[in-house]
Amino acid sequence: MKQNKYDDPEFFANYSQMPRSIGGLNAAGEWHALRAMLPELRDKRVLDLGCGFGWHCRYAREQQARSVIGVDLSENMLERARASTNDDAIEYRRLAIEDIDFDAEQFDVVISSLALHYVERFDIVCQKVNRFLVPGGAFVLSVEHPVFTALAPQDWYYGPQGERLHWPVDDYHHEGRRQTTFLEHQVVKYHRTVATHMNALIDSGFAITKLSEPSPDREMLEKHPDMQDETRRPIFLLMAAMKHE
């Protein structure tokens, strides 16, 4: 299933008002951790899967990457990315992640930020990415944490006064499709355990070099006190892997 909610005008309008949509990478609670997991980007050929507004593409060029290709299924996303980009070394393509097809060893680094939990076959994507990367190339990605995706409602358990008591986890080992509500719309996501993510990378020819389950750092919490509850359970799972030499 290739889902394209971002070309729904109402959904896209809601997404465009999110802090990370307005403030970019520095407004993303996990960016400090993802940035630390990226390899040296100078003179690298970079692919961004699910590039959205192009924030990571432009960051790669700021770090002097040689070239960047960003792919996304949403024309709304790509229109905004192109409008925010003035750089001939960045190319945006309308393409579903499931349909990516590039030459073997075409890239040095592949990035994907909060897109792959919308893709049903993570293992196939890993296999493709491994083929596209040079030996020693890096795959750095973030997804919604399996603790967050396990239950379809993706919401807190509330007390009698509406207080957030705890985050419920159930059906963790029942992997697969979850229909949940995001930005007041029904969205399909795919739940996978931490082990499934890791083993898909390993089985595809990667060595995992780093894992992270970040919470917002102190600076982010000072700017956005409403994010304090994000320290109570993991919302993101970040992974860095290297293709075997």
Foldseek 3Di string as FASTA:
>chain_A
DFDDPCQVVLLVVLVCPDQCNVVPLVLDQCSVVLVVQDDQQAQWEEEEEQCFLPRVVVVSVVSHHQAYEYEHQYPVRVVNNVVVDDDPRYHYDNDGLVPDDDAFQQGQEYEYEADCQQPFCPLVSLLRVLRNHDAFGKYKYKHWALQQPQAQASDADADPVRHRDGRDHDNSVVWAWHFYADSNDTGIGTHDHPVVNVVSNVVSQKDWDDKDQDQGDPVSCVVPVVSVCCVRDGGMIITMIGHHD
